[in-house]
Structures are given as C-alpha cells and as structure tokens.
C-alpha cells in the first residue's frame, strides 16, 4: 500500500461521536461514506448507489469458510 496522501490528524468529539477532518487531498466524492473496520484500520470510502461496491472485499474478509451442505451421490435420477 502506498503512503501517498497519508498524514497524521487529530480527532475531536462532536455530539456523542468522534470526528476527523480530512485534508483536501483525501476528500471523497458525494455526501455519504461507508465506514468499516479492517483489523486496526478504519476504512472510509464513498457510498456508491449502484454497482457491487465493496462486495468482493467483504466476501474475502469472511472469518470462516462458507459451509457447504453434504450431498449424496446417486446412481440415477428420476425422470420428470
């Protein structure tokens, strides 16, 4: 991962939450963002109204493999 656009900033409290002011170099398009944790990191990305967005990132991040149902082999199939 590149360090381009990486900078230290302090946060501040707003209401009951925490806020961080993003520098111009790190601004995102639109008015809504998706925020999630990835390990110790916090990922902020524009919320896309269309498309698959971060589907593959979330799929890869599954804690356990997807469980599959056991299937039994059959010698023949019934005719419809």
C-alpha atoms as a PDB file:
ATOM      1  CA  UNK A   1       0.000   0.000   0.000  1.00  0.00           C
ATOM      2  CA  UNK A   2       1.278   3.437  -0.889  1.00  0.00           C
ATOM      3  CA  UNK A   3       1.820   6.188   1.706  1.00  0.00           C
ATOM      4  CA  UNK A   4       0.590   8.800  -0.787  1.00  0.00           C
ATOM      5  CA  UNK A   5      -1.973  11.071   0.869  1.00  0.00           C
ATOM      6  CA  UNK A   6      -1.131   9.653   4.289  1.00  0.00           C
ATOM      7  CA  UNK A   7      -0.935  12.179   7.098  1.00  0.00           C
ATOM      8  CA  UNK A   8      -1.495  12.308  10.882  1.00  0.00           C
ATOM      9  CA  UNK A   9      -4.507  14.266  12.099  1.00  0.00           C
ATOM     10  CA  UNK A  10      -6.161  14.669  15.469  1.00  0.00           C
ATOM     11  CA  UNK A  11      -9.763  13.818  16.101  1.00  0.00           C
ATOM     12  CA  UNK A  12     -12.354  15.746  18.077  1.00  0.00           C
ATOM     13  CA  UNK A  13     -15.675  14.997  19.768  1.00  0.00           C
ATOM     14  CA  UNK A  14     -18.969  16.090  18.211  1.00  0.00           C
ATOM     15  CA  UNK A  15     -22.227  15.243  19.963  1.00  0.00           C
ATOM     16  CA  UNK A  16     -21.602  11.731  21.290  1.00  0.00           C
ATOM     17  CA  UNK A  17     -19.349  10.760  18.385  1.00  0.00           C
ATOM     18  CA  UNK A  18     -15.810  11.205  17.180  1.00  0.00           C
ATOM     19  CA  UNK A  19     -14.833  13.170  14.082  1.00  0.00           C
ATOM     20  CA  UNK A  20     -11.713  13.628  11.971  1.00  0.00           C
ATOM     21  CA  UNK A  21     -11.300  16.430   9.463  1.00  0.00           C
ATOM     22  CA  UNK A  22      -9.987  15.071   6.158  1.00  0.00           C
ATOM     23  CA  UNK A  23      -7.448  17.135   4.240  1.00  0.00           C
ATOM     24  CA  UNK A  24      -8.335  18.192   0.683  1.00  0.00           C
ATOM     25  CA  UNK A  25      -6.048  15.509  -0.768  1.00  0.00           C
ATOM     26  CA  UNK A  26      -8.170  12.785   0.861  1.00  0.00           C
ATOM     27  CA  UNK A  27     -11.665  14.114   0.175  1.00  0.00           C
ATOM     28  CA  UNK A  28     -14.238  11.655  -1.133  1.00  0.00           C
ATOM     29  CA  UNK A  29     -16.940  12.300  -3.717  1.00  0.00           C
ATOM     30  CA  UNK A  30     -20.545  12.610  -2.627  1.00  0.00           C
ATOM     31  CA  UNK A  31     -22.065  13.317   0.753  1.00  0.00           C
ATOM     32  CA  UNK A  32     -22.253   9.791   2.204  1.00  0.00           C
ATOM     33  CA  UNK A  33     -19.482   7.346   3.047  1.00  0.00           C
ATOM     34  CA  UNK A  34     -19.221   3.716   4.088  1.00  0.00           C
ATOM     35  CA  UNK A  35     -17.089   3.227   7.215  1.00  0.00           C
ATOM     36  CA  UNK A  36     -15.848  -0.156   8.437  1.00  0.00           C
ATOM     37  CA  UNK A  37     -13.030  -1.665  10.441  1.00  0.00           C
ATOM     38  CA  UNK A  38     -10.382  -3.863   8.840  1.00  0.00           C
ATOM     39  CA  UNK A  39      -8.166  -5.096  11.650  1.00  0.00           C
ATOM     40  CA  UNK A  40      -6.878  -1.998  13.439  1.00  0.00           C
ATOM     41  CA  UNK A  41      -7.573   0.211  10.416  1.00  0.00           C
ATOM     42  CA  UNK A  42     -10.705   2.189   9.693  1.00  0.00           C
ATOM     43  CA  UNK A  43     -11.668   2.260   6.011  1.00  0.00           C
ATOM     44  CA  UNK A  44     -13.690   5.210   4.690  1.00  0.00           C
ATOM     45  CA  UNK A  45     -14.973   5.047   1.114  1.00  0.00           C
ATOM     46  CA  UNK A  46     -17.649   6.810  -0.939  1.00  0.00           C
ATOM     47  CA  UNK A  47     -21.068   5.175  -0.763  1.00  0.00           C
ATOM     48  CA  UNK A  48     -21.984   4.090  -4.259  1.00  0.00           C
ATOM     49  CA  UNK A  49     -25.678   3.932  -5.089  1.00  0.00           C
ATOM     50  CA  UNK A  50     -25.138   1.434  -7.861  1.00  0.00           C
ATOM     51  CA  UNK A  51     -22.855  -1.453  -8.555  1.00  0.00           C
ATOM     52  CA  UNK A  52     -21.326  -4.111  -6.351  1.00  0.00           C
ATOM     53  CA  UNK A  53     -19.246  -1.621  -4.349  1.00  0.00           C
ATOM     54  CA  UNK A  54     -17.102  -3.431  -1.800  1.00  0.00           C
ATOM     55  CA  UNK A  55     -18.816  -6.823  -2.184  1.00  0.00           C
ATOM     56  CA  UNK A  56     -15.619  -8.718  -3.023  1.00  0.00           C
ATOM     57  CA  UNK A  57     -13.646  -7.052  -0.209  1.00  0.00           C
ATOM     58  CA  UNK A  58     -16.286  -8.101   2.312  1.00  0.00           C
ATOM     59  CA  UNK A  59     -16.503 -11.606   0.853  1.00  0.00           C
ATOM     60  CA  UNK A  60     -12.734 -12.137   1.106  1.00  0.00           C
ATOM     61  CA  UNK A  61     -12.803 -10.907   4.706  1.00  0.00           C
ATOM     62  CA  UNK A  62     -15.105 -13.700   5.949  1.00  0.00           C
ATOM     63  CA  UNK A  63     -13.792 -15.138   9.216  1.00  0.00           C
ATOM     64  CA  UNK A  64     -14.623 -18.741   8.294  1.00  0.00           C
ATOM     65  CA  UNK A  65     -15.006 -20.573   5.016  1.00  0.00           C
ATOM     66  CA  UNK A  66     -18.546 -20.797   3.694  1.00  0.00           C
ATOM     67  CA  UNK A  67     -20.103 -24.075   4.850  1.00  0.00           C
ATOM     68  CA  UNK A  68     -21.437 -26.373   2.162  1.00  0.00           C
ATOM     69  CA  UNK A  69     -24.185 -28.922   2.563  1.00  0.00           C
ATOM     70  CA  UNK A  70     -23.117 -32.525   2.159  1.00  0.00           C
ATOM     71  CA  UNK A  71     -24.543 -34.139  -0.922  1.00  0.00           C
ATOM     72  CA  UNK A  72     -25.001 -37.817  -1.572  1.00  0.00           C
ATOM     73  CA  UNK A  73     -24.086 -39.441  -4.832  1.00  0.00           C
ATOM     74  CA  UNK A  74     -26.930 -41.125  -6.641  1.00  0.00           C
ATOM     75  CA  UNK A  75     -26.702 -43.796  -9.288  1.00  0.00           C
ATOM     76  CA  UNK A  76     -29.594 -42.494 -11.304  1.00  0.00           C
ATOM     77  CA  UNK A  77     -32.027 -39.635 -11.431  1.00  0.00           C
ATOM     78  CA  UNK A  78     -35.760 -39.839 -11.639  1.00  0.00           C
ATOM     79  CA  UNK A  79     -37.368 -38.939 -14.939  1.00  0.00           C
ATOM     80  CA  UNK A  80     -39.568 -35.856 -14.926  1.00  0.00           C
END
